[in-house]
N, C-alpha and C. Protein backbone atom coordinates (compact mmCIF):
# COMPACT_ATOMS: atom_id res chain seq x y z
N UNK A 1 119.54 103.33 107.69
CA UNK A 1 119.98 102.14 106.99
C UNK A 1 120.36 102.48 105.56
N UNK A 2 119.50 103.22 104.92
CA UNK A 2 119.72 103.53 103.51
C UNK A 2 120.94 104.41 103.27
N UNK A 3 121.15 105.38 104.14
CA UNK A 3 122.32 106.25 103.98
C UNK A 3 123.60 105.44 104.14
N UNK A 4 123.61 104.56 105.13
CA UNK A 4 124.78 103.72 105.36
C UNK A 4 125.06 102.82 104.17
N UNK A 5 124.02 102.19 103.67
CA UNK A 5 124.17 101.31 102.50
C UNK A 5 124.57 102.13 101.27
N UNK A 6 123.97 103.30 101.11
CA UNK A 6 124.29 104.17 99.99
C UNK A 6 125.73 104.66 100.03
N UNK A 7 126.25 104.88 101.24
CA UNK A 7 127.64 105.29 101.39
C UNK A 7 128.57 104.22 100.82
N UNK A 8 128.28 102.97 101.14
CA UNK A 8 129.10 101.87 100.60
C UNK A 8 128.95 101.77 99.09
N UNK A 9 127.74 101.98 98.60
CA UNK A 9 127.51 101.93 97.15
C UNK A 9 128.29 103.03 96.44
N UNK A 10 128.23 104.24 96.98
CA UNK A 10 128.94 105.37 96.36
C UNK A 10 130.44 105.16 96.31
N UNK A 11 130.98 104.57 97.34
CA UNK A 11 132.42 104.33 97.40
C UNK A 11 132.81 103.00 96.75
N UNK A 12 131.81 102.33 96.17
CA UNK A 12 132.01 101.03 95.51
C UNK A 12 132.68 100.02 96.43
N UNK A 13 132.22 99.99 97.69
CA UNK A 13 132.74 99.06 98.68
C UNK A 13 131.81 97.88 98.93
N UNK A 14 130.64 97.91 98.31
CA UNK A 14 129.68 96.83 98.51
C UNK A 14 130.10 95.58 97.74
N UNK A 15 130.11 94.47 98.43
CA UNK A 15 130.32 93.19 97.77
C UNK A 15 129.05 92.36 97.95
N UNK A 16 129.04 91.16 97.43
CA UNK A 16 127.83 90.34 97.50
C UNK A 16 127.47 89.99 98.94
N UNK A 17 128.46 89.81 99.81
CA UNK A 17 128.18 89.48 101.21
C UNK A 17 127.46 90.64 101.90
N UNK A 18 127.93 91.85 101.67
CA UNK A 18 127.29 93.04 102.26
C UNK A 18 125.85 93.19 101.79
N UNK A 19 125.64 92.96 100.49
CA UNK A 19 124.29 93.08 99.93
C UNK A 19 123.36 92.02 100.50
N UNK A 20 123.85 90.79 100.64
CA UNK A 20 123.02 89.71 101.19
C UNK A 20 122.64 90.02 102.63
N UNK A 21 123.61 90.45 103.45
CA UNK A 21 123.32 90.78 104.84
C UNK A 21 122.31 91.92 104.92
N UNK A 22 122.51 92.96 104.12
CA UNK A 22 121.62 94.12 104.16
C UNK A 22 120.19 93.73 103.77
N UNK A 23 120.04 93.04 102.66
CA UNK A 23 118.69 92.70 102.21
C UNK A 23 118.04 91.62 103.06
N UNK A 24 118.82 90.75 103.66
CA UNK A 24 118.27 89.74 104.57
C UNK A 24 117.71 90.40 105.82
N UNK A 25 118.46 91.32 106.41
CA UNK A 25 117.95 92.00 107.61
C UNK A 25 116.75 92.87 107.26
N UNK A 26 116.74 93.44 106.06
CA UNK A 26 115.60 94.24 105.63
C UNK A 26 114.34 93.36 105.49
N UNK A 27 114.52 92.15 104.97
CA UNK A 27 113.41 91.21 104.84
C UNK A 27 112.89 90.77 106.21
N UNK A 28 113.82 90.45 107.12
CA UNK A 28 113.43 90.04 108.48
C UNK A 28 112.71 91.20 109.17
N UNK A 29 113.21 92.41 108.97
CA UNK A 29 112.58 93.60 109.54
C UNK A 29 111.16 93.77 109.00
N UNK A 30 110.96 93.56 107.73
CA UNK A 30 109.63 93.75 107.12
C UNK A 30 108.62 92.72 107.61
N UNK A 31 109.08 91.53 107.98
CA UNK A 31 108.15 90.49 108.44
C UNK A 31 107.77 90.63 109.90
N UNK A 32 108.60 91.29 110.70
CA UNK A 32 108.31 91.38 112.14
C UNK A 32 106.93 92.00 112.44
N UNK A 33 106.55 93.14 111.85
CA UNK A 33 105.23 93.70 112.17
C UNK A 33 104.08 92.76 111.81
N UNK A 34 104.25 92.00 110.77
CA UNK A 34 103.21 91.04 110.38
C UNK A 34 103.08 89.97 111.45
N UNK A 35 104.21 89.46 111.91
CA UNK A 35 104.20 88.42 112.94
C UNK A 35 103.63 88.96 114.25
N UNK A 36 104.05 90.17 114.62
CA UNK A 36 103.64 90.74 115.91
C UNK A 36 102.21 91.27 115.90
N UNK A 37 101.89 92.12 114.93
CA UNK A 37 100.60 92.81 114.94
C UNK A 37 99.48 92.03 114.27
N UNK A 38 99.75 91.42 113.13
CA UNK A 38 98.69 90.73 112.39
C UNK A 38 98.43 89.34 112.95
N UNK A 39 99.49 88.56 113.06
CA UNK A 39 99.33 87.18 113.54
C UNK A 39 99.25 87.08 115.06
N UNK A 40 99.77 88.10 115.74
CA UNK A 40 99.77 88.16 117.21
C UNK A 40 100.52 86.98 117.84
N UNK A 41 101.58 86.56 117.17
CA UNK A 41 102.46 85.51 117.72
C UNK A 41 103.57 86.21 118.49
N UNK A 42 103.26 86.63 119.70
CA UNK A 42 104.15 87.49 120.47
C UNK A 42 105.49 86.84 120.80
N UNK A 43 105.48 85.58 121.24
CA UNK A 43 106.75 84.93 121.58
C UNK A 43 107.59 84.69 120.33
N UNK A 44 106.97 84.23 119.26
CA UNK A 44 107.70 84.03 118.01
C UNK A 44 108.23 85.36 117.48
N UNK A 45 107.45 86.42 117.65
CA UNK A 45 107.89 87.75 117.22
C UNK A 45 109.12 88.18 118.00
N UNK A 46 109.18 87.82 119.29
CA UNK A 46 110.37 88.15 120.09
C UNK A 46 111.59 87.39 119.57
N UNK A 47 111.43 86.12 119.28
CA UNK A 47 112.54 85.33 118.72
C UNK A 47 112.96 85.92 117.38
N UNK A 48 111.98 86.33 116.59
CA UNK A 48 112.25 86.90 115.26
C UNK A 48 113.02 88.22 115.38
N UNK A 49 112.66 89.06 116.35
CA UNK A 49 113.34 90.34 116.49
C UNK A 49 114.75 90.15 117.06
N UNK A 50 114.96 89.10 117.83
CA UNK A 50 116.32 88.78 118.28
C UNK A 50 117.17 88.37 117.08
N UNK A 51 116.59 87.59 116.18
CA UNK A 51 117.28 87.25 114.93
C UNK A 51 117.63 88.53 114.17
N UNK A 52 116.70 89.46 114.12
CA UNK A 52 116.95 90.74 113.45
C UNK A 52 118.12 91.48 114.11
N UNK A 53 118.15 91.51 115.43
CA UNK A 53 119.23 92.20 116.14
C UNK A 53 120.58 91.55 115.82
N UNK A 54 120.61 90.24 115.76
CA UNK A 54 121.85 89.54 115.41
C UNK A 54 122.29 89.90 113.99
N UNK A 55 121.35 89.93 113.07
CA UNK A 55 121.68 90.32 111.69
C UNK A 55 122.18 91.76 111.62
N UNK A 56 121.61 92.63 112.43
CA UNK A 56 122.05 94.03 112.45
C UNK A 56 123.48 94.12 112.97
N UNK A 57 123.80 93.35 114.00
CA UNK A 57 125.16 93.34 114.54
C UNK A 57 126.14 92.84 113.47
N UNK A 58 125.76 91.78 112.78
CA UNK A 58 126.62 91.27 111.69
C UNK A 58 126.79 92.33 110.61
N UNK A 59 125.71 93.04 110.29
CA UNK A 59 125.77 94.09 109.28
C UNK A 59 126.67 95.24 109.75
N UNK A 60 126.56 95.63 111.01
CA UNK A 60 127.39 96.71 111.53
C UNK A 60 128.87 96.33 111.42
N UNK A 61 129.21 95.13 111.82
CA UNK A 61 130.60 94.67 111.74
C UNK A 61 131.08 94.67 110.30
N UNK A 62 130.26 94.13 109.41
CA UNK A 62 130.63 94.07 107.99
C UNK A 62 130.81 95.46 107.40
N UNK A 63 129.87 96.36 107.66
CA UNK A 63 129.95 97.71 107.12
C UNK A 63 131.12 98.47 107.74
N UNK A 64 131.35 98.30 109.03
CA UNK A 64 132.42 99.02 109.73
C UNK A 64 133.79 98.66 109.16
N UNK A 65 133.96 97.40 108.79
CA UNK A 65 135.24 96.98 108.20
C UNK A 65 135.50 97.68 106.87
N UNK A 66 134.45 98.02 106.17
CA UNK A 66 134.58 98.66 104.86
C UNK A 66 134.65 100.19 104.98
N UNK A 67 133.80 100.74 105.84
CA UNK A 67 133.76 102.19 106.04
C UNK A 67 133.23 102.45 107.46
N UNK A 68 134.02 103.08 108.29
CA UNK A 68 133.64 103.28 109.69
C UNK A 68 132.33 104.04 109.84
N UNK A 69 132.14 105.08 109.06
CA UNK A 69 130.91 105.86 109.14
C UNK A 69 129.69 105.01 108.80
N UNK A 70 129.80 104.21 107.77
CA UNK A 70 128.68 103.35 107.36
C UNK A 70 128.32 102.38 108.49
N UNK A 71 129.29 101.86 109.18
CA UNK A 71 129.02 100.96 110.30
C UNK A 71 128.39 101.68 111.48
N UNK A 72 128.94 102.84 111.81
CA UNK A 72 128.45 103.59 112.97
C UNK A 72 127.03 104.13 112.75
N UNK A 73 126.68 104.41 111.51
CA UNK A 73 125.33 104.90 111.22
C UNK A 73 124.25 103.86 111.53
N UNK A 74 124.63 102.61 111.66
CA UNK A 74 123.66 101.55 111.95
C UNK A 74 123.38 101.39 113.45
N UNK A 75 124.17 102.03 114.30
CA UNK A 75 124.01 101.85 115.74
C UNK A 75 122.64 102.32 116.25
N UNK A 76 122.10 103.47 115.82
CA UNK A 76 120.75 103.84 116.27
C UNK A 76 119.69 102.80 115.87
N UNK A 77 119.85 102.21 114.73
CA UNK A 77 118.94 101.14 114.27
C UNK A 77 119.01 99.96 115.23
N UNK A 78 120.21 99.57 115.64
CA UNK A 78 120.36 98.48 116.60
C UNK A 78 119.72 98.83 117.93
N UNK A 79 119.97 100.05 118.41
CA UNK A 79 119.39 100.47 119.70
C UNK A 79 117.86 100.48 119.65
N UNK A 80 117.31 100.96 118.57
CA UNK A 80 115.85 100.97 118.40
C UNK A 80 115.30 99.53 118.39
N UNK A 81 116.00 98.64 117.71
CA UNK A 81 115.58 97.24 117.64
C UNK A 81 115.64 96.59 119.02
N UNK A 82 116.66 96.89 119.79
CA UNK A 82 116.76 96.35 121.14
C UNK A 82 115.64 96.88 122.04
N UNK A 83 115.30 98.15 121.88
CA UNK A 83 114.18 98.71 122.63
C UNK A 83 112.87 98.05 122.22
N UNK A 84 112.68 97.85 120.93
CA UNK A 84 111.48 97.16 120.43
C UNK A 84 111.44 95.72 120.95
N UNK A 85 112.60 95.09 121.09
CA UNK A 85 112.65 93.73 121.65
C UNK A 85 112.16 93.72 123.09
N UNK A 86 112.60 94.70 123.85
CA UNK A 86 112.17 94.84 125.24
C UNK A 86 110.64 95.02 125.31
N UNK A 87 110.11 95.89 124.46
CA UNK A 87 108.66 96.09 124.44
C UNK A 87 107.93 94.83 124.02
N UNK A 88 108.48 94.12 123.05
CA UNK A 88 107.88 92.88 122.55
C UNK A 88 107.78 91.85 123.66
N UNK A 89 108.88 91.59 124.36
CA UNK A 89 108.84 90.57 125.42
C UNK A 89 107.97 91.02 126.59
N UNK A 90 107.94 92.32 126.85
CA UNK A 90 107.08 92.85 127.93
C UNK A 90 105.62 92.62 127.61
N UNK A 91 105.23 92.89 126.40
CA UNK A 91 103.84 92.66 125.99
C UNK A 91 103.49 91.20 126.07
N UNK A 92 104.40 90.35 125.65
CA UNK A 92 104.17 88.89 125.73
C UNK A 92 103.97 88.48 127.19
N UNK A 93 104.86 88.91 128.08
CA UNK A 93 104.79 88.49 129.48
C UNK A 93 103.57 89.06 130.19
N UNK A 94 103.19 90.28 129.86
CA UNK A 94 102.02 90.89 130.50
C UNK A 94 100.71 90.29 130.02
N UNK A 95 100.69 89.70 128.86
CA UNK A 95 99.46 89.13 128.29
C UNK A 95 99.45 87.61 128.29
N UNK A 96 100.35 87.03 129.01
CA UNK A 96 100.49 85.57 129.05
C UNK A 96 99.31 84.93 129.74
């Protein structure tokens, strides 16, 4: 995430929309472990991580329009988030 964002910063391609999307997804990402592990709200955590995945997709599109490499560098992050979503819903369903 940081390398991708830093690439846009170095090339002076970051605008306020890119910064808002980046920091919003970072905030949503930071809250997910609290919701899942501390509060143990498994279903809400799944909804929250889906929101995160949507924000990541928006970020990828936004970054890709500015710099292809910056956008493509976010794909592993999206894949990891989708895998975590699968694990999240599986844990919820198995412990229902």
